Amino acid sequence: MATDPPSDPQQPRRRTAPEHLTDRPLDRRRPAGALAPGARVTVVRSTEWDGPWQVEFRGAVDDLGAPEPVDHPRAGEGESAYWVRFDAPQYDADGAGPYRKALIWERYLRPED
C-alpha cells in the first residue's frame, strides 16, 4: 500500500531544484514493494562498464520523491530509479561532483539488511 512520507518543513525547499531540473513535480506516492525512505543501501559499480560512480559507497533512500521509472533504452523492463542520500560526497565515473544525493537506477543499489 503506497503512503506519503511524513510531512517535513524543509521538503518544499529540497524539492525545488530537482523539480526545476526535471520540469515536473516529484511524485511522492511510493509503489508497493519499493524501498522505504531511510532504507540503507550500497551504491555499486557496474559489471559492464567503468561506472556510474568511481567507487562503491553507502547511503540511504531519500524521501525527496518516490522511485521513478527509468526512461532509457538500456533500462530493464519496469526498472526504477531512487533518490539516494550519500553518507559522504561522491564523484561520478566522469569525475564530476562531489554529489551528496542523486537519482540512482535500482540495478546499482544493493539493499543492506
Foldseek 3Di string as FASTA:
>chain_A
DWDADDDDPCLVVVQVVVCVVVVHGAAQTADPPFDDFFFKKKQAADPVDCWQFPHIFIWTFHSNHYWAADDDPPDDVRKTWTKTAGPDFTATSVRDDRDRIDTGICVRIDTDD
